[in-house]
Amino acid sequence: MRDRIAKTLLVGAAFTCTVWSAIAQTQSPQTHPMQMPSMSLTADQARARATAVDAYIYGYPLVTMEMTRRVMTNAATAGEPHAPMGQLVRMGKFPDATFVDVTAPNADTLYTTAWLDVTKEPWILSLPDSHGRYYLMPMLDGWTNVFQDPGTRTTGNGPQTYAITGPGWNGKLPAGVTEYKSPTGLVWLLGRIYCAGTPEDYAAVHAMQDQVKLYPLSAWGKTYTPPTGQVDPEIDMKTPVRDQVNRMDAVTYFNLLSTLMVDNPPAAADAPMVAKMAEIGFVPGRPFDAAKLGADSPMVLHGISKEAAGKLMMAFKTSGTTENGWMFSTKTGVYGTDYLNRALVTAIGLGANLPEDAVYPMSASDAAGNPYDGRSKYVMHFDKGQMPPARAFWSLTMYNGQVFFVENSLNRYKLGSANKFVTNADGSVDLYLQHENPGAEKEANWLPAPDGRFIPMLRLYWPETKPPSILDGTWKIPPVKKVE
């Protein structure tokens, strides 16, 4: 993936100060996101502004998904990372240390993704027999909820065929096809397939990717050739999507949200919020009526994106779980009416999995609360039988201070369940996080760090649900301790 636009794709649900700080710095105008604009509002105007900020946060996932879709589908043919609507992107290999386009890249799974419009007709997704290989194919609606999640954990590894239908579709499907009804017209298929990264395993995953088929229901039983996509030169392919959204003025933002909500209707549980938004002139499918805010509407709406970012920053400080220097969340993928959390995850981890599929703890400082420095030596100790409890796999990935891979003599970017570790006499395992090679006897357990700031990240795919489990807190992530 060699395009800066993909920055919204692979971050995952990495709840870190580093990532959030990067987000906060992108806000426009140039005032700090926590800084309120200088104004004098009446009580009614202040209430209207508060509603506008809540409405902004409510719509942030849908607007971000749409802007991401526009960029990632602005292509004539399928490639990496772009493909026209209804066509698959098949990622061919893991990035290396020269790759600086996507923060927190992974070296565990290869992506198979597509954007779909299911308002006109269903789309057929055919999955091959994975022959025991772990994979998941989550489907996100326009509001970023994971509404279906076929794969090893949920539906097994055998061949499967699905019809992804829109919210208003009630037709008949061919025999043997399972219907997955999307709540919205926009669907993002964000599939991941485990890969060991060897030439042989790359070939095996590529063969599986090639057998994943995607086509409209009208092409059932026919030879289907995807049409050439239309490239729109007006779409900004350089500015990160997050920045494009943050820089919209309020009227533009709400007009886009209103249009999108026609094909991506709010959930029934959102009725109180939709009614509240109507008080400030917002009605789905209609132009935003800022006149309801009075002659001072520009002042009332000024800088609401900054104020919304401030609320997200405050929510970030109390979100998720922090233990032994690690931060993570188990509240991703399905959000209900928790609009603040939904927007927060959109901002720092668009495309997040269900926690039952994956949890992504990240650490910015050691057990003593000090930032990591690869010139020092650190140990992460796992007692016997206490390695990360994951049914698919786990990994510990090393990133530099900018959250990219670290160049090293072993070309090793992670350690995990695929490794054979040297154990201590009592069966425990020590992992060494440092810049300097710890020596031949310890090299199998060495995760090379840069010679300065670094950030480690755990990935637990298909985490155990029974104790010990990270999901219920019965398994605790060990601290990373500096060796004095």
Protein backbone atom coordinates (compact mmCIF):
# COMPACT_ATOMS: atom_id res chain seq x y z
CA MET A 1 0.00 0.00 0.00
CA ARG A 2 1.89 2.99 -1.27
CA ASP A 3 -0.46 5.92 -0.88
CA ARG A 4 -0.82 8.30 2.03
CA ILE A 5 -4.60 8.17 1.63
CA ALA A 6 -4.58 4.72 3.18
CA LYS A 7 -3.69 6.21 6.55
CA THR A 8 -7.24 5.57 7.66
CA LEU A 9 -7.12 1.86 6.83
CA LEU A 10 -4.61 -0.05 8.90
CA VAL A 11 -4.33 1.75 12.20
CA GLY A 12 -6.90 -0.59 13.80
CA ALA A 13 -8.21 0.15 17.26
CA ALA A 14 -4.88 1.38 18.61
CA PHE A 15 -5.79 3.63 21.53
CA THR A 16 -2.57 5.57 22.06
CA CYS A 17 -1.50 9.05 23.03
CA THR A 18 0.84 9.07 20.05
CA VAL A 19 -1.90 8.44 17.51
CA TRP A 20 -4.35 10.85 19.16
CA SER A 21 -1.73 13.60 19.34
CA ALA A 22 -1.21 13.26 15.61
CA ILE A 23 -4.94 13.62 15.10
CA ALA A 24 -5.21 16.68 17.31
CA GLN A 25 -2.44 18.39 15.34
CA THR A 26 -4.41 18.08 12.09
CA GLN A 27 -7.29 20.26 13.24
CA SER A 28 -8.13 23.35 11.21
CA PRO A 29 -8.24 26.30 11.78
CA GLN A 30 -4.93 26.55 13.60
CA THR A 31 -6.30 27.02 17.11
CA HIS A 32 -6.00 24.19 19.57
CA PRO A 33 -8.92 21.73 19.42
CA MET A 34 -9.73 22.37 23.08
CA GLN A 35 -9.83 26.14 22.58
CA MET A 36 -13.32 27.63 22.36
CA PRO A 37 -13.84 30.35 19.75
CA SER A 38 -14.05 33.86 21.14
CA MET A 39 -17.73 34.75 21.09
CA SER A 40 -20.64 35.88 23.18
CA LEU A 41 -23.67 33.62 22.81
CA THR A 42 -27.13 33.87 24.28
CA ALA A 43 -28.44 30.92 26.27
CA ASP A 44 -30.49 29.75 23.27
CA GLN A 45 -27.51 30.08 20.96
CA ALA A 46 -25.30 28.18 23.37
CA ARG A 47 -27.84 25.33 23.47
CA ALA A 48 -28.02 25.33 19.67
CA ARG A 49 -24.24 25.23 19.42
CA ALA A 50 -24.05 22.31 21.85
CA THR A 51 -26.60 20.46 19.72
CA ALA A 52 -24.58 21.23 16.58
CA VAL A 53 -21.45 19.79 18.20
CA ASP A 54 -23.34 16.65 19.21
CA ALA A 55 -24.73 16.38 15.68
CA TYR A 56 -21.24 16.75 14.25
CA ILE A 57 -19.98 13.91 16.46
CA TYR A 58 -23.02 11.80 15.59
CA GLY A 59 -22.39 12.13 11.85
CA TYR A 60 -18.58 11.92 11.94
CA PRO A 61 -18.38 8.18 11.14
CA LEU A 62 -20.72 8.38 8.13
CA VAL A 63 -19.01 11.44 6.66
CA THR A 64 -15.57 9.89 7.21
CA MET A 65 -16.63 6.62 5.60
CA GLU A 66 -17.96 8.47 2.55
CA MET A 67 -14.82 10.56 2.10
CA THR A 68 -12.67 7.46 2.53
CA ARG A 69 -14.77 5.62 -0.04
CA ARG A 70 -14.41 8.43 -2.55
CA VAL A 71 -10.65 8.34 -2.33
CA MET A 72 -10.16 4.59 -2.21
CA THR A 73 -12.50 3.93 -5.16
CA ASN A 74 -11.22 6.75 -7.37
CA ALA A 75 -9.54 4.38 -9.82
CA ALA A 76 -10.08 2.98 -13.31
CA THR A 77 -8.94 -0.54 -12.39
CA ALA A 78 -8.23 -2.51 -9.22
CA GLY A 79 -4.77 -2.10 -7.72
CA GLU A 80 -3.18 -1.38 -4.33
CA PRO A 81 -4.79 0.26 -2.41
CA HIS A 82 -7.46 1.57 -4.81
CA ALA A 83 -10.21 -0.15 -6.79
CA PRO A 84 -13.51 0.99 -8.29
CA MET A 85 -16.72 0.39 -6.40
CA GLY A 86 -17.61 -3.30 -6.29
CA GLN A 87 -14.07 -4.50 -7.01
CA LEU A 88 -11.61 -6.23 -4.71
CA VAL A 89 -8.26 -4.89 -3.57
CA ARG A 90 -5.94 -7.83 -2.86
CA MET A 91 -2.91 -6.76 -0.85
CA GLY A 92 0.05 -8.83 -1.96
CA LYS A 93 2.70 -8.49 0.75
CA PHE A 94 3.62 -6.96 4.07
CA PRO A 95 5.36 -3.60 4.18
CA ASP A 96 8.97 -3.28 5.32
CA ALA A 97 10.88 -0.60 7.22
CA THR A 98 10.97 1.69 4.16
CA PHE A 99 7.17 1.97 4.27
CA VAL A 100 6.01 5.18 5.95
CA ASP A 101 2.56 5.70 4.44
CA VAL A 102 0.36 3.97 7.03
CA THR A 103 0.87 4.22 10.77
CA ALA A 104 1.02 0.95 12.72
CA PRO A 105 1.25 -1.39 9.72
CA ASN A 106 0.87 -5.08 10.46
CA ALA A 107 2.96 -8.06 9.43
CA ASP A 108 0.34 -10.69 10.29
CA THR A 109 -2.52 -10.49 7.79
CA LEU A 110 -3.00 -9.58 4.14
CA TYR A 111 -6.03 -7.45 3.33
CA THR A 112 -8.80 -8.24 0.83
CA THR A 113 -11.15 -5.27 0.72
CA ALA A 114 -13.96 -3.70 -1.32
CA TRP A 115 -16.51 -0.89 -1.18
CA LEU A 116 -20.09 -1.72 -2.17
CA ASP A 117 -23.27 0.16 -3.00
CA VAL A 118 -26.14 -2.19 -2.14
CA THR A 119 -28.94 0.31 -2.76
CA LYS A 120 -29.63 -0.92 -6.31
CA GLU A 121 -29.10 -4.67 -5.98
CA PRO A 122 -27.35 -7.22 -3.75
CA TRP A 123 -23.73 -8.21 -4.16
CA ILE A 124 -22.59 -11.82 -4.05
CA LEU A 125 -19.49 -12.66 -2.01
CA SER A 126 -18.04 -16.13 -2.56
CA LEU A 127 -15.39 -17.37 -0.14
CA PRO A 128 -13.26 -20.45 -0.85
CA ASP A 129 -12.23 -23.25 1.49
CA SER A 130 -9.38 -21.76 3.52
CA HIS A 131 -8.01 -25.24 4.33
CA GLY A 132 -7.62 -24.34 7.99
CA ARG A 133 -6.06 -20.92 7.43
CA TYR A 134 -7.39 -18.24 9.76
CA TYR A 135 -9.26 -15.37 8.14
CA LEU A 136 -12.09 -12.94 8.79
CA MET A 137 -14.22 -10.89 6.41
CA PRO A 138 -15.99 -8.24 8.52
CA MET A 139 -18.59 -6.06 6.81
CA LEU A 140 -19.03 -2.50 8.05
CA ASP A 141 -22.12 -0.41 7.40
CA GLY A 142 -21.96 3.29 6.66
CA TRP A 143 -21.92 4.13 10.37
CA THR A 144 -18.86 1.85 10.95
CA ASN A 145 -20.79 -0.91 12.74
CA VAL A 146 -19.68 -4.45 11.97
CA PHE A 147 -23.02 -5.94 10.93
CA GLN A 148 -21.71 -9.34 9.76
CA ASP A 149 -18.44 -11.12 10.29
CA PRO A 150 -17.94 -14.35 8.31
CA GLY A 151 -14.67 -16.16 8.87
CA THR A 152 -12.91 -18.86 10.82
CA ARG A 153 -14.29 -17.81 14.21
CA THR A 154 -17.92 -17.40 13.20
CA THR A 155 -18.69 -19.46 10.09
CA GLY A 156 -15.74 -21.83 9.76
CA ASN A 157 -13.22 -22.46 7.02
CA GLY A 158 -15.34 -24.19 4.38
CA PRO A 159 -16.59 -22.60 1.13
CA GLN A 160 -19.36 -20.03 1.69
CA THR A 161 -21.52 -17.79 -0.47
CA TYR A 162 -23.34 -14.69 0.74
CA ALA A 163 -25.61 -12.04 -0.71
CA ILE A 164 -25.08 -8.63 0.83
CA THR A 165 -28.43 -6.88 0.51
CA GLY A 166 -29.54 -3.32 1.13
CA PRO A 167 -31.97 -2.18 3.82
CA GLY A 168 -34.95 -2.09 1.45
CA TRP A 169 -34.32 -5.23 -0.61
CA ASN A 170 -36.83 -8.12 -0.36
CA GLY A 171 -36.13 -10.29 -3.41
CA LYS A 172 -35.35 -13.97 -3.86
CA LEU A 173 -31.84 -15.40 -3.70
CA PRO A 174 -30.37 -18.46 -5.45
CA ALA A 175 -30.28 -21.70 -3.49
CA GLY A 176 -27.32 -22.05 -1.15
CA VAL A 177 -26.83 -18.30 -0.77
CA THR A 178 -27.05 -16.80 2.72
CA GLU A 179 -28.41 -13.29 3.00
CA TYR A 180 -26.53 -10.66 4.98
CA LYS A 181 -28.71 -7.55 5.16
CA SER A 182 -26.86 -4.28 5.56
CA PRO A 183 -28.57 -1.52 7.56
CA THR A 184 -27.13 1.00 5.07
CA GLY A 185 -26.54 1.35 1.36
CA LEU A 186 -22.79 1.73 1.88
CA VAL A 187 -20.80 -1.37 2.84
CA TRP A 188 -17.07 -1.76 3.44
CA LEU A 189 -15.71 -5.30 3.20
CA LEU A 190 -12.48 -5.30 5.20
CA GLY A 191 -11.11 -8.83 5.02
CA ARG A 192 -7.90 -10.11 6.61
CA ILE A 193 -6.11 -13.42 5.92
CA TYR A 194 -3.31 -14.72 8.13
CA CYS A 195 0.07 -15.05 6.43
CA ALA A 196 3.42 -16.22 7.79
CA GLY A 197 5.26 -13.95 5.38
CA THR A 198 7.38 -16.65 3.73
CA PRO A 199 7.47 -16.98 -0.07
CA GLU A 200 5.53 -20.23 0.18
CA ASP A 201 2.86 -18.74 2.43
CA TYR A 202 2.54 -15.62 0.30
CA ALA A 203 1.79 -17.89 -2.65
CA ALA A 204 -0.81 -19.84 -0.67
CA VAL A 205 -2.59 -16.66 0.51
CA HIS A 206 -2.50 -15.16 -2.99
CA ALA A 207 -4.18 -18.30 -4.29
CA MET A 208 -6.90 -17.96 -1.64
CA GLN A 209 -7.36 -14.26 -2.42
CA ASP A 210 -7.78 -15.06 -6.11
CA GLN A 211 -10.62 -17.44 -5.23
CA VAL A 212 -12.57 -14.75 -3.36
CA LYS A 213 -15.25 -13.63 -5.83
CA LEU A 214 -17.41 -10.51 -5.74
CA TYR A 215 -20.12 -9.64 -8.27
CA PRO A 216 -23.66 -8.21 -8.45
CA LEU A 217 -26.62 -10.58 -8.13
CA SER A 218 -27.60 -9.80 -11.74
CA ALA A 219 -24.38 -11.53 -12.86
CA TRP A 220 -25.25 -14.81 -11.10
CA GLY A 221 -24.52 -17.73 -13.40
CA LYS A 222 -22.87 -15.46 -15.97
CA THR A 223 -19.31 -14.53 -16.82
CA TYR A 224 -18.76 -11.23 -15.06
CA THR A 225 -16.21 -8.63 -16.08
CA PRO A 226 -16.05 -5.63 -13.73
CA PRO A 227 -16.58 -2.33 -15.53
CA THR A 228 -13.83 0.25 -15.78
CA GLY A 229 -14.07 2.82 -13.02
CA GLN A 230 -14.43 6.54 -13.53
CA VAL A 231 -11.62 8.67 -12.15
CA ASP A 232 -12.82 12.00 -10.73
CA PRO A 233 -10.01 14.58 -10.99
CA GLU A 234 -11.80 16.78 -8.43
CA ILE A 235 -11.23 14.28 -5.62
CA ASP A 236 -8.28 15.21 -3.41
CA MET A 237 -5.95 12.20 -3.53
CA LYS A 238 -3.15 13.81 -1.51
CA THR A 239 -4.67 15.26 1.64
CA PRO A 240 -5.38 12.59 4.28
CA VAL A 241 -9.11 11.87 4.56
CA ARG A 242 -9.16 12.83 8.23
CA ASP A 243 -7.87 16.31 7.33
CA GLN A 244 -10.40 16.67 4.52
CA VAL A 245 -13.25 15.98 6.95
CA ASN A 246 -11.88 18.20 9.71
CA ARG A 247 -11.51 21.16 7.34
CA MET A 248 -15.13 21.19 6.15
CA ASP A 249 -17.18 24.15 7.28
CA ALA A 250 -20.29 23.26 9.27
CA VAL A 251 -22.81 23.91 6.48
CA THR A 252 -20.88 21.79 3.97
CA TYR A 253 -20.48 19.05 6.55
CA PHE A 254 -24.16 18.94 7.51
CA ASN A 255 -25.31 19.11 3.87
CA LEU A 256 -23.15 16.10 3.04
CA LEU A 257 -24.38 14.24 6.12
CA SER A 258 -27.99 14.99 5.18
CA THR A 259 -27.48 13.59 1.69
CA LEU A 260 -25.72 10.47 2.97
CA MET A 261 -28.49 9.68 5.46
CA VAL A 262 -30.96 9.02 2.63
CA ASP A 263 -29.25 5.77 1.59
CA ASN A 264 -27.68 5.22 5.02
CA PRO A 265 -30.64 5.72 7.36
CA PRO A 266 -30.23 6.22 11.08
CA ALA A 267 -30.98 3.30 13.36
CA ALA A 268 -34.31 3.22 15.18
CA ALA A 269 -32.46 3.93 18.42
CA ASP A 270 -31.16 7.17 16.88
CA ALA A 271 -34.65 8.74 16.73
CA PRO A 272 -34.08 11.03 19.75
CA MET A 273 -30.85 12.32 18.26
CA VAL A 274 -32.43 12.90 14.84
CA ALA A 275 -35.27 14.82 16.50
CA LYS A 276 -32.75 16.89 18.45
CA MET A 277 -30.87 17.69 15.24
CA ALA A 278 -34.09 18.93 13.61
CA GLU A 279 -34.18 21.72 16.19
CA ILE A 280 -31.12 23.30 14.55
CA GLY A 281 -32.40 22.88 10.97
CA PHE A 282 -31.05 19.43 10.15
CA VAL A 283 -33.44 17.04 8.41
CA PRO A 284 -32.10 14.00 6.50
CA GLY A 285 -32.47 14.41 2.75
CA ARG A 286 -32.93 18.19 2.90
CA PRO A 287 -30.42 21.05 2.68
CA PHE A 288 -29.23 22.15 6.09
CA ASP A 289 -31.40 25.08 7.19
CA ALA A 290 -28.94 27.20 9.15
CA ALA A 291 -31.53 29.99 9.19
CA LYS A 292 -33.17 28.21 12.12
CA LEU A 293 -30.23 29.39 14.18
CA GLY A 294 -31.02 33.02 13.40
CA ALA A 295 -28.96 35.80 11.85
CA ASP A 296 -25.96 34.87 13.98
CA SER A 297 -25.78 31.29 12.67
CA PRO A 298 -22.19 31.70 11.35
CA MET A 299 -21.06 32.63 14.84
CA VAL A 300 -23.04 29.77 16.42
CA LEU A 301 -21.49 27.23 14.00
CA HIS A 302 -17.99 28.66 13.96
CA GLY A 303 -15.32 26.12 14.92
CA ILE A 304 -17.65 23.28 15.90
CA SER A 305 -15.19 20.74 14.44
CA LYS A 306 -12.57 22.01 16.91
CA GLU A 307 -14.98 21.79 19.80
CA ALA A 308 -16.00 18.28 18.73
CA ALA A 309 -12.32 17.31 18.61
CA GLY A 310 -11.97 18.63 22.13
CA LYS A 311 -14.80 16.39 23.32
CA LEU A 312 -13.16 13.42 21.61
CA MET A 313 -9.87 14.22 23.30
CA MET A 314 -11.56 14.30 26.68
CA ALA A 315 -13.30 11.02 25.90
CA PHE A 316 -10.00 9.49 24.85
CA LYS A 317 -8.51 10.17 28.26
CA THR A 318 -11.12 7.97 29.93
CA SER A 319 -11.77 5.46 27.14
CA GLY A 320 -10.69 1.86 27.08
CA THR A 321 -8.53 0.08 29.63
CA THR A 322 -5.08 0.96 30.93
CA GLU A 323 -3.00 -1.65 32.71
CA ASN A 324 0.74 -2.06 33.27
CA GLY A 325 1.45 0.73 30.79
CA TRP A 326 -0.74 -0.76 28.04
CA MET A 327 -3.85 0.87 26.60
CA PHE A 328 -6.60 -0.90 24.69
CA SER A 329 -10.34 -1.00 24.11
CA THR A 330 -12.85 -3.82 23.99
CA LYS A 331 -15.69 -1.51 22.88
CA THR A 332 -15.29 -1.48 19.12
CA GLY A 333 -17.23 -2.66 16.09
CA VAL A 334 -20.75 -2.20 17.52
CA TYR A 335 -21.59 1.10 19.21
CA GLY A 336 -25.35 1.47 19.67
CA THR A 337 -26.04 5.04 20.81
CA ASP A 338 -22.54 5.61 22.17
CA TYR A 339 -21.89 8.23 19.51
CA LEU A 340 -18.85 9.68 21.24
CA ASN A 341 -17.02 6.36 21.32
CA ARG A 342 -18.06 5.62 17.73
CA ALA A 343 -16.59 8.93 16.56
CA LEU A 344 -13.46 8.41 18.64
CA VAL A 345 -12.80 5.00 17.11
CA THR A 346 -13.45 6.49 13.66
CA ALA A 347 -10.85 9.17 14.33
CA ILE A 348 -8.08 6.87 15.56
CA GLY A 349 -8.96 3.44 14.18
CA LEU A 350 -11.38 3.48 11.26
CA GLY A 351 -12.34 -0.07 10.36
CA ALA A 352 -11.91 -1.48 13.87
CA ASN A 353 -12.80 -5.12 14.43
CA LEU A 354 -15.16 -6.57 16.97
CA PRO A 355 -13.19 -7.27 20.16
CA GLU A 356 -14.10 -10.95 19.79
CA ASP A 357 -12.02 -10.88 16.59
CA ALA A 358 -9.09 -8.75 17.66
CA VAL A 359 -7.76 -6.53 20.44
CA TYR A 360 -4.83 -4.17 19.89
CA PRO A 361 -3.07 -3.06 23.09
CA MET A 362 -0.35 -0.45 22.62
CA SER A 363 2.15 0.98 25.07
CA ALA A 364 3.81 4.40 25.04
CA SER A 365 5.85 4.04 28.24
CA ASP A 366 7.49 1.40 30.40
CA ALA A 367 6.32 0.01 33.73
CA ALA A 368 7.76 3.05 35.52
CA GLY A 369 5.87 5.45 33.28
CA ASN A 370 8.89 6.58 31.28
CA PRO A 371 8.95 6.74 27.46
CA TYR A 372 10.75 3.84 25.84
CA ASP A 373 14.28 4.38 24.52
CA GLY A 374 15.94 1.60 22.52
CA ARG A 375 19.36 2.53 23.84
CA SER A 376 18.19 1.08 27.16
CA LYS A 377 17.30 -2.58 27.66
CA TYR A 378 13.79 -3.83 28.44
CA VAL A 379 12.26 -7.18 29.31
CA MET A 380 8.67 -8.35 28.91
CA HIS A 381 8.26 -11.42 31.12
CA PHE A 382 5.57 -14.05 30.62
CA ASP A 383 5.06 -16.63 33.34
CA LYS A 384 4.70 -20.23 32.24
CA GLY A 385 1.33 -20.75 30.56
CA GLN A 386 0.62 -17.01 30.47
CA MET A 387 1.47 -16.12 26.89
CA PRO A 388 -1.20 -13.93 25.22
CA PRO A 389 -4.39 -16.06 25.09
CA ALA A 390 -5.53 -15.99 21.47
CA ARG A 391 -7.09 -18.83 19.50
CA ALA A 392 -5.90 -17.58 16.10
CA PHE A 393 -2.56 -15.90 16.81
CA TRP A 394 -0.87 -13.15 18.76
CA SER A 395 2.03 -10.88 17.92
CA LEU A 396 4.15 -8.17 19.52
CA THR A 397 5.19 -5.60 16.94
CA MET A 398 7.91 -2.98 17.26
CA TYR A 399 7.41 0.57 15.98
CA ASN A 400 9.56 3.67 16.12
CA GLY A 401 8.33 6.94 17.59
CA GLN A 402 6.37 7.70 14.42
CA VAL A 403 4.64 4.27 14.64
CA PHE A 404 6.43 2.71 11.65
CA PHE A 405 8.51 -0.47 11.37
CA VAL A 406 12.14 -0.43 12.56
CA GLU A 407 14.99 -1.38 10.23
CA ASN A 408 17.20 -4.05 11.78
CA SER A 409 19.75 -6.71 10.88
CA LEU A 410 17.22 -9.56 11.18
CA ASN A 411 14.45 -7.84 9.19
CA ARG A 412 12.31 -8.74 12.20
CA TYR A 413 9.38 -6.50 12.99
CA LYS A 414 7.45 -8.72 15.38
CA LEU A 415 7.51 -11.73 17.66
CA GLY A 416 4.52 -13.94 18.28
CA SER A 417 2.80 -17.28 18.46
CA ALA A 418 4.59 -18.42 15.28
CA ASN A 419 8.01 -18.07 16.97
CA LYS A 420 9.91 -20.69 18.93
CA PHE A 421 11.20 -18.96 22.04
CA VAL A 422 14.02 -19.84 24.38
CA THR A 423 12.37 -20.58 27.74
CA ASN A 424 13.71 -20.06 31.23
CA ALA A 425 14.27 -22.98 33.60
CA ASP A 426 10.79 -22.53 35.10
CA GLY A 427 9.09 -22.50 31.68
CA SER A 428 8.60 -18.73 31.59
CA VAL A 429 9.59 -16.59 28.62
CA ASP A 430 11.46 -13.29 28.49
CA LEU A 431 11.23 -11.08 25.42
CA TYR A 432 14.00 -8.53 24.94
CA LEU A 433 13.09 -5.12 23.55
CA GLN A 434 16.25 -3.14 22.78
CA HIS A 435 18.42 -1.81 19.97
CA GLU A 436 21.51 -3.85 20.74
CA ASN A 437 21.51 -7.57 19.88
CA PRO A 438 21.37 -9.40 23.25
CA GLY A 439 23.57 -12.23 21.94
CA ALA A 440 23.12 -15.59 20.24
CA GLU A 441 21.53 -17.25 23.28
CA LYS A 442 18.79 -14.64 23.50
CA GLU A 443 18.42 -13.64 19.84
CA ALA A 444 15.33 -15.84 19.29
CA ASN A 445 13.54 -13.71 21.91
CA TRP A 446 14.84 -10.35 20.66
CA LEU A 447 12.51 -7.72 19.22
CA PRO A 448 14.86 -5.15 17.67
CA ALA A 449 14.17 -1.53 18.62
CA PRO A 450 15.46 1.73 17.15
CA ASP A 451 18.21 3.57 18.98
CA GLY A 452 15.67 6.04 20.31
CA ARG A 453 11.95 6.33 20.96
CA PHE A 454 9.88 3.21 20.30
CA ILE A 455 6.31 1.94 20.73
CA PRO A 456 5.35 -1.75 21.09
CA MET A 457 1.93 -3.05 20.09
CA LEU A 458 0.24 -6.36 20.85
CA ARG A 459 -2.29 -8.01 18.56
CA LEU A 460 -4.57 -10.77 19.83
CA TYR A 461 -6.66 -12.25 17.04
CA TRP A 462 -9.64 -14.29 18.19
CA PRO A 463 -8.84 -13.69 21.87
CA GLU A 464 -9.96 -16.36 24.26
CA THR A 465 -13.36 -15.74 25.82
CA LYS A 466 -12.87 -18.08 28.78
CA PRO A 467 -10.39 -17.26 31.55
CA PRO A 468 -7.65 -16.32 31.19
CA SER A 469 -8.97 -13.72 28.75
CA ILE A 470 -8.13 -10.12 27.92
CA LEU A 471 -11.83 -9.56 27.18
CA ASP A 472 -12.96 -10.04 30.78
CA GLY A 473 -9.76 -8.92 32.47
CA THR A 474 -8.74 -12.36 33.74
CA TRP A 475 -5.52 -12.11 31.71
CA LYS A 476 -3.32 -9.10 32.40
CA ILE A 477 -0.72 -7.84 29.95
CA PRO A 478 2.71 -8.05 31.57
CA PRO A 479 4.56 -4.76 32.02
CA VAL A 480 7.66 -3.94 30.00
CA LYS A 481 10.41 -3.29 32.53
CA LYS A 482 13.65 -1.44 32.03
CA VAL A 483 16.70 -3.48 32.99
CA GLU A 484 18.86 -1.40 35.31
